[in-house]
Amino acid sequence: MKKTCLFFCAAFLFPHLYYSQTQQEIDALCNTICTSIEKSDAPSDQEKIEEAFEEHIMDFIEFHELTVVEELMDKVYFRLQKVCGTFTTMLTNSNQSLENGDWEIINEKPEIKLSKKEARSFAKENGIYYFETDRKKTFVTIKGGKWIETFSDNTQSILKFKWTGDTTFDLIFIESDNITRKNFSNPGDVYNYTLTSKEDGYYYFTTSLAEGDDRVLISKFHFE
């Protein structure tokens, strides 16, 4: 499912935005949009999303007297995928790219087939990388308690890396100059990962899909 017409029209009319709204205000807006999507009786997911965006985004723009909105729209679109399980479900139902290549959506977590020692060796592997859903490689460096991701466009994300169990670890978002990651996450957001098994050249892992979505993403961390 593509971004709504409202997004494209607004981005065309107002190509530069430096908005000053707080993270709390943006998340409150996203939660309001999410509630409207969930309560909508529109006949299609596309219409539910478009109607919620049109109603609440325009109110937000008018209330804050904004004259440019592109970055706001980017932030809301990607942030909704973090905080609104219903929105994420609609997107994944209409876009099968998540189930291509390494990524798959499953309904429950798989059995753990790693010992603590085997799991902890993950952080010592060389050349760790994973494939995005478009099959581009993202490289990972784990050093000094930091998880640094380098994307195909040479942008980066920096997160804190912390083991939380024998095969589980948290990534805590610090900062990013990647357009998707910086709009998806706020500083301090925590992502839970579980290493489930090790095969020849990669580890299987699971992570949650979105807040309020009980499904699980399963994928692979490759290493050289």
Protein backbone atom coordinates (compact mmCIF):
# COMPACT_ATOMS: atom_id res chain seq x y z
CA MET A 1 0.00 0.00 0.00
CA LYS A 2 1.46 3.34 -1.00
CA LYS A 3 1.30 6.51 1.00
CA THR A 4 -1.99 8.28 0.66
CA CYS A 5 -2.74 10.90 -1.97
CA LEU A 6 -2.71 13.46 0.83
CA PHE A 7 0.96 12.71 1.42
CA PHE A 8 1.96 13.11 -2.20
CA CYS A 9 -0.04 16.30 -2.65
CA ALA A 10 1.35 17.86 0.50
CA ALA A 11 4.92 16.85 -0.32
CA PHE A 12 4.60 18.38 -3.78
CA LEU A 13 3.18 21.67 -2.56
CA PHE A 14 5.47 22.08 0.41
CA PRO A 15 8.83 20.44 -0.39
CA HIS A 16 10.83 21.57 2.65
CA LEU A 17 9.86 21.09 6.29
CA TYR A 18 11.71 21.71 9.52
CA TYR A 19 9.00 21.03 12.06
CA SER A 20 9.39 21.88 15.72
CA GLN A 21 6.75 19.63 17.22
CA THR A 22 7.93 17.35 20.01
CA GLN A 23 8.19 13.58 19.79
CA GLN A 24 5.31 13.37 22.27
CA GLU A 25 3.09 15.49 20.02
CA ILE A 26 3.94 13.37 16.97
CA ASP A 27 3.26 10.14 18.85
CA ALA A 28 -0.04 11.55 20.15
CA LEU A 29 -1.00 12.37 16.56
CA CYS A 30 -0.04 8.85 15.46
CA ASN A 31 -2.10 7.30 18.26
CA THR A 32 -5.11 9.39 17.24
CA ILE A 33 -4.72 8.33 13.61
CA CYS A 34 -4.37 4.70 14.73
CA THR A 35 -7.59 4.87 16.75
CA SER A 36 -9.47 6.34 13.79
CA ILE A 37 -8.18 3.59 11.50
CA GLU A 38 -9.26 0.92 13.98
CA LYS A 39 -12.76 2.40 14.37
CA SER A 40 -13.32 3.19 10.70
CA ASP A 41 -16.11 1.46 8.82
CA ALA A 42 -14.71 2.42 5.39
CA PRO A 43 -14.92 -0.46 2.90
CA SER A 44 -11.17 -0.85 2.33
CA ASP A 45 -7.93 -0.53 4.27
CA GLN A 46 -6.74 2.11 1.81
CA GLU A 47 -9.80 4.27 2.47
CA LYS A 48 -9.53 3.81 6.24
CA ILE A 49 -5.95 5.07 6.17
CA GLU A 50 -6.67 7.93 3.77
CA GLU A 51 -9.64 9.17 5.79
CA ALA A 52 -7.72 9.06 9.08
CA PHE A 53 -4.73 10.88 7.56
CA GLU A 54 -6.89 13.53 5.94
CA GLU A 55 -8.87 14.26 9.09
CA HIS A 56 -6.10 14.35 11.67
CA ILE A 57 -3.09 15.51 9.68
CA MET A 58 -4.95 18.56 8.41
CA ASP A 59 -6.17 19.40 11.92
CA PHE A 60 -2.58 19.10 13.21
CA ILE A 61 -1.23 21.31 10.41
CA GLU A 62 -3.87 23.98 11.02
CA PHE A 63 -3.48 23.90 14.81
CA HIS A 64 0.29 24.35 14.61
CA GLU A 65 0.01 26.78 11.69
CA LEU A 66 2.45 24.77 9.60
CA THR A 67 3.21 25.90 6.08
CA VAL A 68 5.45 22.98 5.09
CA VAL A 69 4.70 19.34 5.84
CA GLU A 70 6.86 16.82 3.97
CA GLU A 71 9.03 15.74 6.91
CA LEU A 72 5.98 15.64 9.17
CA MET A 73 4.29 13.25 6.74
CA ASP A 74 7.40 11.08 6.57
CA LYS A 75 7.63 10.98 10.36
CA VAL A 76 3.96 10.07 10.82
CA TYR A 77 3.98 7.42 8.08
CA PHE A 78 7.03 5.59 9.42
CA ARG A 79 6.24 6.17 13.11
CA LEU A 80 2.79 4.63 12.67
CA GLN A 81 4.54 1.43 11.65
CA LYS A 82 6.19 1.40 15.08
CA VAL A 83 3.24 2.38 17.31
CA CYS A 84 0.16 1.13 15.46
CA GLY A 85 -0.17 -2.60 14.96
CA THR A 86 -3.35 -2.20 12.90
CA PHE A 87 -1.60 0.11 10.44
CA THR A 88 1.36 -2.28 10.13
CA THR A 89 -0.96 -5.23 9.55
CA MET A 90 -2.71 -3.36 6.75
CA LEU A 91 0.60 -2.53 5.10
CA THR A 92 1.95 -6.06 5.34
CA ASN A 93 -1.32 -7.53 4.09
CA SER A 94 -1.09 -5.42 0.95
CA ASN A 95 2.67 -5.70 0.41
CA GLN A 96 4.18 -9.17 0.30
CA SER A 97 7.80 -7.94 0.19
CA LEU A 98 8.23 -8.79 3.88
CA GLU A 99 7.79 -12.44 3.03
CA ASN A 100 10.35 -12.43 0.23
CA GLY A 101 13.97 -13.40 0.74
CA ASP A 102 15.03 -13.65 4.38
CA TRP A 103 11.97 -12.10 6.00
CA GLU A 104 8.83 -13.89 7.09
CA ILE A 105 5.91 -13.05 9.37
CA ILE A 106 4.94 -15.84 11.76
CA ASN A 107 2.28 -16.15 14.44
CA GLU A 108 4.39 -17.47 17.29
CA LYS A 109 8.03 -17.59 18.32
CA PRO A 110 10.01 -20.68 17.23
CA GLU A 111 11.86 -23.04 19.55
CA ILE A 112 15.26 -21.85 20.80
CA LYS A 113 18.01 -24.13 19.53
CA LEU A 114 21.04 -22.24 20.83
CA SER A 115 23.01 -22.44 24.06
CA LYS A 116 24.09 -19.27 25.82
CA LYS A 117 27.67 -19.81 24.64
CA GLU A 118 26.59 -20.26 21.04
CA ALA A 119 24.39 -17.19 21.15
CA ARG A 120 27.04 -14.97 22.72
CA SER A 121 29.46 -15.89 19.93
CA PHE A 122 27.21 -13.88 17.64
CA ALA A 123 28.63 -10.56 18.87
CA LYS A 124 32.13 -11.78 17.99
CA GLU A 125 31.39 -12.74 14.40
CA ASN A 126 33.06 -10.87 11.55
CA GLY A 127 31.21 -9.21 8.71
CA ILE A 128 27.70 -9.34 10.14
CA TYR A 129 24.99 -8.17 7.76
CA TYR A 130 21.32 -8.65 7.00
CA PHE A 131 19.17 -8.12 3.94
CA GLU A 132 16.50 -5.45 3.86
CA THR A 133 13.19 -6.49 2.31
CA ASP A 134 14.39 -5.02 -1.00
CA ARG A 135 17.44 -7.34 -0.78
CA LYS A 136 19.92 -4.53 -0.13
CA LYS A 137 22.58 -5.37 2.47
CA THR A 138 22.83 -3.58 5.78
CA PHE A 139 26.13 -4.15 7.60
CA VAL A 140 26.38 -4.35 11.39
CA THR A 141 29.32 -3.52 13.65
CA ILE A 142 29.09 -4.44 17.35
CA LYS A 143 31.71 -2.65 19.40
CA GLY A 144 31.91 -0.99 22.80
CA GLY A 145 28.30 -1.71 23.62
CA LYS A 146 27.12 -0.07 20.40
CA TRP A 147 25.30 -1.57 17.42
CA ILE A 148 26.15 0.44 14.30
CA GLU A 149 24.23 -0.21 11.09
CA THR A 150 25.56 1.00 7.73
CA PHE A 151 23.01 1.05 4.93
CA SER A 152 23.44 0.77 1.18
CA ASP A 153 23.26 4.58 0.79
CA ASN A 154 26.09 4.98 3.37
CA THR A 155 23.76 6.38 6.04
CA GLN A 156 24.02 4.91 9.53
CA SER A 157 22.06 4.13 12.68
CA ILE A 158 23.61 3.92 16.13
CA LEU A 159 21.96 1.90 18.90
CA LYS A 160 22.99 0.62 22.30
CA PHE A 161 23.53 -3.16 22.36
CA LYS A 162 22.62 -5.02 25.56
CA TRP A 163 22.29 -8.74 26.29
CA THR A 164 19.11 -9.40 28.29
CA GLY A 165 19.17 -13.22 28.51
CA ASP A 166 20.96 -16.31 27.25
CA THR A 167 19.87 -15.74 23.66
CA THR A 168 18.12 -12.37 23.85
CA PHE A 169 19.35 -8.81 23.46
CA ASP A 170 17.93 -5.31 23.24
CA LEU A 171 18.80 -2.57 20.81
CA ILE A 172 18.14 0.92 22.15
CA PHE A 173 17.89 3.60 19.50
CA ILE A 174 20.28 6.54 19.81
CA GLU A 175 20.38 8.31 16.45
CA SER A 176 20.30 7.88 12.68
CA ASP A 177 20.71 9.87 9.48
CA ASN A 178 18.78 7.26 7.49
CA ILE A 179 15.39 8.63 6.45
CA THR A 180 13.44 5.49 7.33
CA ARG A 181 15.14 4.72 10.63
CA LYS A 182 15.16 8.28 11.99
CA ASN A 183 11.44 8.63 11.29
CA PHE A 184 10.56 5.16 12.56
CA SER A 185 12.37 5.49 15.89
CA ASN A 186 12.70 8.00 18.68
CA PRO A 187 15.78 8.12 20.93
CA GLY A 188 15.32 5.58 23.70
CA ASP A 189 13.03 3.24 21.75
CA VAL A 190 13.83 -0.37 22.63
CA TYR A 191 13.79 -3.31 20.21
CA ASN A 192 13.86 -6.88 21.52
CA TYR A 193 15.68 -9.60 19.60
CA THR A 194 15.97 -13.34 20.16
CA LEU A 195 18.55 -15.55 18.47
CA THR A 196 16.84 -18.86 17.82
CA SER A 197 19.36 -21.04 15.95
CA LYS A 198 22.66 -21.01 14.08
CA GLU A 199 23.15 -22.45 10.62
CA ASP A 200 26.05 -22.42 8.18
CA GLY A 201 26.81 -18.75 7.72
CA TYR A 202 23.88 -17.16 9.56
CA TYR A 203 21.84 -16.93 12.74
CA TYR A 204 18.06 -16.99 12.75
CA PHE A 205 16.48 -14.29 14.89
CA THR A 206 13.02 -13.04 15.79
CA THR A 207 11.74 -9.60 16.71
CA SER A 208 8.33 -8.06 17.24
CA LEU A 209 6.47 -6.52 14.33
CA ALA A 210 4.82 -3.48 15.92
CA GLU A 211 3.23 -2.38 19.16
CA GLY A 212 -0.13 -4.10 19.49
CA ASP A 213 0.68 -6.72 16.84
CA ASP A 214 1.19 -10.20 18.29
CA ARG A 215 2.83 -11.56 15.16
CA VAL A 216 6.61 -12.01 14.95
CA LEU A 217 9.20 -11.26 12.30
CA ILE A 218 11.81 -13.94 11.66
CA SER A 219 14.94 -13.31 9.60
CA LYS A 220 18.69 -13.97 9.42
CA PHE A 221 21.87 -12.25 10.53
CA HIS A 222 24.53 -13.39 8.06
CA PHE A 223 28.25 -13.39 8.81
CA GLU A 224 31.37 -13.89 6.77
